[in-house]
């Protein structure tokens, strides 16, 4: 029993370390791509929100399963096991894809087309909306059978499917709402927080 507990603890530690390494590697790769340290930080702000979406989805699906169980309908409970935790590492590499599209197009609009910040962000969202919806929808529909139709052979990886599906859905919504607002606030040279900062300094 002690050996099994030690194995679980070491596996959990390894997953946490892998998550941290993956986060650092993603940031360094984005810095190399953008040749800028700030834009990758804006992209990475969507990561904790996407991870939170995966966790909330896991809790919600288990809550819905418990509700079905209370009225006599058999529903599988998804444990928060090691393989489910692996879903968060996988999610880390996928939630940044959509924000990259928005941030990169905004950067081009600002540098190449010299658009005002608000117009640059709005145009970036409008031009990248279709590819974001298409890529996210294909992934979500691909994972849906694993999550919504559990059966023999799916129990092992259902937790990964739930985390990735719900995390991607949350990330897409945040990419189209929270990220544009953040970009406008951070990149706008006339933002109120900049004036307050200058006044303090």
Foldseek 3Di string as FASTA:
>chain_A
DVVVVVVQVVLVVVLVVLLVVLVVVQQVVVCVVVVDNPLSVLLCVLLVQLQVQLVVLLVVQQVVQVVCVVVPHHDDRADCGSLLSVLSSVLNVVLSPLLVQQSVQLVCCCPPVVDANLVSNVVSCVVCVVVLVVVLVVLLVVLCCLQPVDDPPSNSNNSSSSSNNRSNVSSSVCSNPVSSVVSCQVVHCPHPVNVVVVVVD
